[in-house]
Amino acid sequence: MKFTISLLLIALLSFVSCLYLPWWAIGPAAFIVTVCIHQKPLKAFLAGFLALFMLWGALAWWISSRNEHLLAQKVSLLIIQSPRIILLILLTALIGALIGGLAALAGSFLRRAIGLKKEEELSVPHGNEPMRGAEFGNQAG
C-alpha cells in the first residue's frame, strides 16, 4: 500500500513540479516523498524508478504524437542512429527513471541515517497517550 501511494505521489509531484520548475525537479520530488513515506531502500528505488519511467515515457509519447512523431524520428536518427521512435521514448523514460530512482534511494538512506524508522516517531504525543521511556526523563517538573 505504501509502495503504491509513494509511486503515485512521486509521479504527481514530479509532474506538477515540472510544470513550474526545470526538468531536474523530479529528483527533489522523489527525494521528498521518500523521506516522508518510510520504505526499505530497494522499494524506495523501485517506486521512484517506476513512477518516473511511466511518467516520462507517457509524456514523451504524448508530446511526440502531437506532431505525428516527425521531430522524434529525426532526433532518433541523430542520437541512437535508428529511425525507431520507441527507442528514443524508452531512452527518455530510462533517464528520468534513473534520476527518480536514485533520488528516492537517497531519501530512504537519509531517513535511515537520521534515525526515522517508523511513522510513530514523526507524530507528536497527545495529552492522553502514555509516554515512552525516553520521554519520562525529558519531562519538566
Protein backbone atom coordinates (compact mmCIF):
# COMPACT_ATOMS: atom_id res chain seq x y z
CA MET A 1 0.00 0.00 0.00
CA LYS A 2 2.80 2.44 0.90
CA PHE A 3 4.58 1.46 -2.31
CA THR A 4 1.56 2.36 -4.44
CA ILE A 5 0.95 5.59 -2.58
CA SER A 6 4.56 6.70 -2.88
CA LEU A 7 4.62 5.71 -6.57
CA LEU A 8 1.55 7.86 -7.26
CA LEU A 9 2.80 10.75 -5.13
CA ILE A 10 6.20 10.76 -6.83
CA ALA A 11 4.57 10.80 -10.26
CA LEU A 12 2.09 13.52 -9.30
CA LEU A 13 4.61 15.74 -7.51
CA SER A 14 7.11 15.32 -10.36
CA PHE A 15 4.51 16.24 -12.97
CA VAL A 16 3.36 19.33 -11.07
CA SER A 17 6.89 20.47 -10.24
CA CYS A 18 7.99 20.19 -13.87
CA LEU A 19 5.17 22.50 -14.90
CA TYR A 20 6.83 25.36 -13.00
CA LEU A 21 10.42 24.27 -12.39
CA PRO A 22 13.25 22.83 -14.54
CA TRP A 23 13.24 19.19 -15.59
CA TRP A 24 15.57 18.14 -12.78
CA ALA A 25 12.89 18.99 -10.19
CA ILE A 26 11.85 15.33 -10.44
CA GLY A 27 14.83 14.46 -8.22
CA PRO A 28 13.82 16.57 -5.21
CA ALA A 29 10.20 15.45 -5.68
CA ALA A 30 11.15 11.77 -5.39
CA PHE A 31 13.52 12.57 -2.52
CA ILE A 32 10.86 14.42 -0.50
CA VAL A 33 8.22 11.73 -0.97
CA THR A 34 10.64 9.01 0.11
CA VAL A 35 11.74 10.91 3.20
CA CYS A 36 8.09 11.35 4.21
CA ILE A 37 6.94 7.78 3.46
CA HIS A 38 9.09 5.10 5.06
CA GLN A 39 10.18 2.27 2.76
CA LYS A 40 13.14 -0.03 2.51
CA PRO A 41 15.84 1.22 0.11
CA LEU A 42 15.03 -1.26 -2.67
CA LYS A 43 11.32 -0.48 -2.59
CA ALA A 44 12.06 3.25 -2.49
CA PHE A 45 14.32 2.95 -5.54
CA LEU A 46 11.71 0.91 -7.39
CA ALA A 47 8.94 3.39 -6.54
CA GLY A 48 10.97 6.33 -7.86
CA PHE A 49 12.20 4.37 -10.88
CA LEU A 50 8.79 3.06 -11.93
CA ALA A 51 6.93 6.31 -11.25
CA LEU A 52 9.24 8.36 -13.42
CA PHE A 53 9.69 5.69 -16.08
CA MET A 54 5.94 5.62 -16.62
CA LEU A 55 5.54 9.40 -16.33
CA TRP A 56 8.37 10.38 -18.66
CA GLY A 57 7.57 7.57 -21.09
CA ALA A 58 3.93 8.61 -21.31
CA LEU A 59 4.80 12.30 -21.61
CA ALA A 60 7.43 11.67 -24.28
CA TRP A 61 4.99 9.58 -26.30
CA TRP A 62 2.21 12.15 -25.89
CA ILE A 63 4.42 15.10 -26.91
CA SER A 64 5.81 13.14 -29.85
CA SER A 65 2.40 12.05 -31.07
CA ARG A 66 1.21 15.67 -31.17
CA ASN A 67 3.35 16.26 -34.29
CA GLU A 68 2.99 12.73 -35.70
CA HIS A 69 6.45 11.74 -34.44
CA LEU A 70 8.26 13.83 -37.08
CA LEU A 71 10.71 15.52 -34.72
CA ALA A 72 11.21 12.36 -32.66
CA GLN A 73 12.16 10.39 -35.75
CA LYS A 74 14.80 12.97 -36.75
CA VAL A 75 16.21 13.16 -33.22
CA SER A 76 16.20 9.38 -33.03
CA LEU A 77 18.28 9.21 -36.20
CA LEU A 78 20.79 11.65 -34.71
CA ILE A 79 21.11 10.21 -31.21
CA ILE A 80 20.63 6.45 -31.49
CA GLN A 81 21.02 6.22 -35.27
CA SER A 82 17.82 4.30 -35.70
CA PRO A 83 14.51 5.51 -37.12
CA ARG A 84 12.57 3.70 -34.36
CA ILE A 85 10.83 6.26 -32.23
CA ILE A 86 10.07 3.82 -29.43
CA LEU A 87 13.79 3.51 -28.64
CA LEU A 88 14.06 7.26 -28.14
CA ILE A 89 10.98 7.25 -25.92
CA LEU A 90 12.39 4.36 -23.87
CA LEU A 91 15.75 6.15 -23.56
CA THR A 92 13.97 9.29 -22.36
CA ALA A 93 11.96 7.27 -19.84
CA LEU A 94 15.11 5.48 -18.65
CA ILE A 95 16.92 8.76 -17.96
CA GLY A 96 14.02 10.08 -15.90
CA ALA A 97 13.64 6.75 -14.12
CA LEU A 98 17.30 6.64 -13.07
CA ILE A 99 17.13 10.16 -11.68
CA GLY A 100 13.93 9.41 -9.79
CA GLY A 101 15.14 6.05 -8.50
CA LEU A 102 18.46 7.38 -7.25
CA ALA A 103 16.81 10.40 -5.60
CA ALA A 104 14.31 8.13 -3.87
CA LEU A 105 17.13 5.84 -2.75
CA ALA A 106 18.97 8.84 -1.30
CA GLY A 107 15.81 9.86 0.56
CA SER A 108 15.48 6.39 2.03
CA PHE A 109 19.11 6.42 3.14
CA LEU A 110 18.71 9.88 4.69
CA ARG A 111 15.67 8.72 6.62
CA ARG A 112 17.68 5.76 7.92
CA ALA A 113 20.70 7.95 8.77
CA ILE A 114 18.72 10.39 10.91
CA GLY A 115 17.00 7.54 12.70
CA LEU A 116 13.42 7.88 11.48
CA LYS A 117 12.34 4.28 11.05
CA LYS A 118 8.64 4.27 11.93
CA GLU A 119 5.79 6.66 11.30
CA GLU A 120 5.11 6.84 15.05
CA GLU A 121 8.38 8.72 15.55
CA LEU A 122 7.07 11.53 13.37
CA SER A 123 3.89 12.07 15.42
CA VAL A 124 3.61 14.34 18.45
CA PRO A 125 2.17 12.59 21.53
CA HIS A 126 -1.16 13.92 22.78
CA GLY A 127 -2.03 14.51 26.42
CA ASN A 128 -3.91 11.24 26.88
CA GLU A 129 -1.30 8.96 25.27
CA PRO A 130 1.08 7.03 27.52
CA MET A 131 4.67 8.29 27.49
CA ARG A 132 7.53 6.08 26.38
CA GLY A 133 10.69 5.51 28.41
CA ALA A 134 12.82 8.24 26.83
CA GLU A 135 10.10 10.83 27.38
CA PHE A 136 9.95 10.34 31.15
CA GLY A 137 13.42 11.81 31.59
CA ASN A 138 12.64 14.81 29.39
CA GLN A 139 9.51 15.82 31.29
CA ALA A 140 9.97 19.00 33.32
CA GLY A 141 8.70 19.13 36.93
